[in-house]
Amino acid sequence: MRFYADENFPLDTVIELRRLGHDVLTMFEDGRANKAIPDEAVLTRATILKRVLLTINRRDFKRLHNADRNHAGILICTFDPDFVNQAFRIDEVYRNSEKVEGTLLRTYRK
């Protein structure tokens, strides 16, 4: 899966997702970190790149999803210091989803 990790998403989870074979682009790698880019613009960028947005900012991106479902997908997560486990849960949610585009997917810390 092609993911776009917002700037607050844990880098260690990104690394683990890459080990699982996912293509993950971070906002830092995209030259967009530390620029106070609004959440709407982050989601637009992920959509343009045809990547599912990864975020721990559940409230704001849930609101954006409810306002407009024209996006490549949003996967919201609770913060989990067990980055390996978090990556496995993200992988599992993605693999068990019939449709990703325009959907809001969730993972929770166990």
Protein backbone atom coordinates (compact mmCIF):
# COMPACT_ATOMS: atom_id res chain seq x y z
CA MET A 1 0.00 0.00 0.00
CA ARG A 2 1.05 3.57 -0.64
CA PHE A 3 0.85 5.69 2.51
CA TYR A 4 1.49 9.36 3.27
CA ALA A 5 2.52 9.90 6.91
CA ASP A 6 1.68 13.29 8.38
CA GLU A 7 4.43 15.07 10.27
CA ASN A 8 3.33 13.84 13.70
CA PHE A 9 3.17 10.20 12.71
CA PRO A 10 5.87 8.10 14.46
CA LEU A 11 8.90 7.51 12.23
CA ASP A 12 9.57 4.17 13.92
CA THR A 13 6.16 2.95 12.76
CA VAL A 14 6.96 4.18 9.24
CA ILE A 15 10.18 2.14 9.30
CA GLU A 16 8.28 -0.97 10.41
CA LEU A 17 5.64 -0.47 7.71
CA ARG A 18 8.40 -0.30 5.13
CA ARG A 19 9.81 -3.58 6.46
CA LEU A 20 6.37 -5.07 5.86
CA GLY A 21 6.61 -3.99 2.23
CA HIS A 22 4.55 -0.79 2.27
CA ASP A 23 5.54 2.33 0.33
CA VAL A 24 5.45 5.13 2.91
CA LEU A 25 6.25 8.75 2.12
CA THR A 26 6.62 11.10 5.07
CA MET A 27 5.83 14.81 4.99
CA PHE A 28 9.49 15.42 5.85
CA GLU A 29 10.63 13.43 2.81
CA ASP A 30 8.09 15.36 0.74
CA GLY A 31 9.61 18.69 1.87
CA ARG A 32 6.49 19.73 3.76
CA ALA A 33 7.41 19.30 7.43
CA ASN A 34 7.64 22.18 9.93
CA LYS A 35 5.69 24.54 7.66
CA ALA A 36 2.40 24.71 9.61
CA ILE A 37 0.50 23.25 6.66
CA PRO A 38 -3.23 23.00 7.45
CA ASP A 39 -4.73 19.52 7.79
CA GLU A 40 -6.94 20.14 4.75
CA ALA A 41 -3.83 20.74 2.62
CA VAL A 42 -2.13 17.63 4.02
CA LEU A 43 -5.12 15.52 3.03
CA THR A 44 -5.24 17.17 -0.40
CA ARG A 45 -1.56 16.38 -0.92
CA ALA A 46 -2.07 12.73 0.04
CA THR A 47 -5.02 12.56 -2.36
CA ILE A 48 -3.04 14.11 -5.23
CA LEU A 49 -0.29 11.54 -4.61
CA LYS A 50 -2.90 8.75 -4.42
CA ARG A 51 -1.70 7.72 -0.96
CA VAL A 52 -3.64 6.76 2.15
CA LEU A 53 -3.01 9.33 4.87
CA LEU A 54 -1.55 7.96 8.12
CA THR A 55 -2.20 10.09 11.19
CA ILE A 56 -2.58 10.03 14.95
CA ASN A 57 -4.62 13.25 14.68
CA ARG A 58 -7.91 11.41 14.90
CA ARG A 59 -10.31 14.24 15.66
CA ASP A 60 -9.35 16.62 12.85
CA PHE A 61 -9.04 14.03 10.11
CA LYS A 62 -12.28 12.34 11.12
CA ARG A 63 -13.94 15.75 10.72
CA LEU A 64 -12.33 16.23 7.30
CA HIS A 65 -13.48 12.77 6.20
CA ASN A 66 -17.04 13.50 7.28
CA ALA A 67 -16.98 16.80 5.37
CA ASP A 68 -15.62 15.33 2.11
CA ARG A 69 -15.00 11.70 1.27
CA ASN A 70 -13.19 12.46 -1.96
CA HIS A 71 -9.74 11.27 -0.85
CA ALA A 72 -7.44 8.28 -1.25
CA GLY A 73 -8.23 7.04 2.26
CA ILE A 74 -7.43 8.04 5.82
CA LEU A 75 -6.07 5.66 8.44
CA ILE A 76 -6.28 7.13 11.93
CA CYS A 77 -4.38 5.54 14.80
CA THR A 78 -4.11 5.90 18.52
CA PHE A 79 -0.53 6.56 19.59
CA ASP A 80 1.24 3.36 20.56
CA PRO A 81 4.86 3.28 21.80
CA ASP A 82 5.03 -0.31 20.53
CA PHE A 83 5.81 0.77 16.96
CA VAL A 84 6.22 -2.76 15.62
CA ASN A 85 2.80 -3.76 16.91
CA GLN A 86 1.29 -0.56 15.55
CA ALA A 87 2.71 -1.29 12.10
CA PHE A 88 1.31 -4.84 12.19
CA ARG A 89 -2.14 -3.51 13.14
CA ILE A 90 -2.04 -0.96 10.30
CA ASP A 91 -1.03 -3.70 7.88
CA GLU A 92 -3.84 -5.91 9.15
CA VAL A 93 -6.48 -3.18 8.85
CA TYR A 94 -5.37 -2.39 5.32
CA ARG A 95 -5.31 -6.04 4.21
CA ASN A 96 -8.77 -6.67 5.68
CA SER A 97 -10.35 -3.64 4.00
CA GLU A 98 -12.30 -4.21 0.83
CA LYS A 99 -12.20 -0.54 -0.12
CA VAL A 100 -9.70 2.09 0.95
CA GLU A 101 -10.39 5.06 -1.30
CA GLY A 102 -12.84 7.46 0.33
CA THR A 103 -12.90 5.50 3.58
CA LEU A 104 -11.85 6.21 7.13
CA LEU A 105 -9.93 3.29 8.62
CA ARG A 106 -8.98 2.99 12.29
CA THR A 107 -6.47 1.19 14.47
CA TYR A 108 -6.36 1.19 18.24
CA ARG A 109 -3.62 0.46 20.74
CA LYS A 110 -4.03 -2.96 22.31
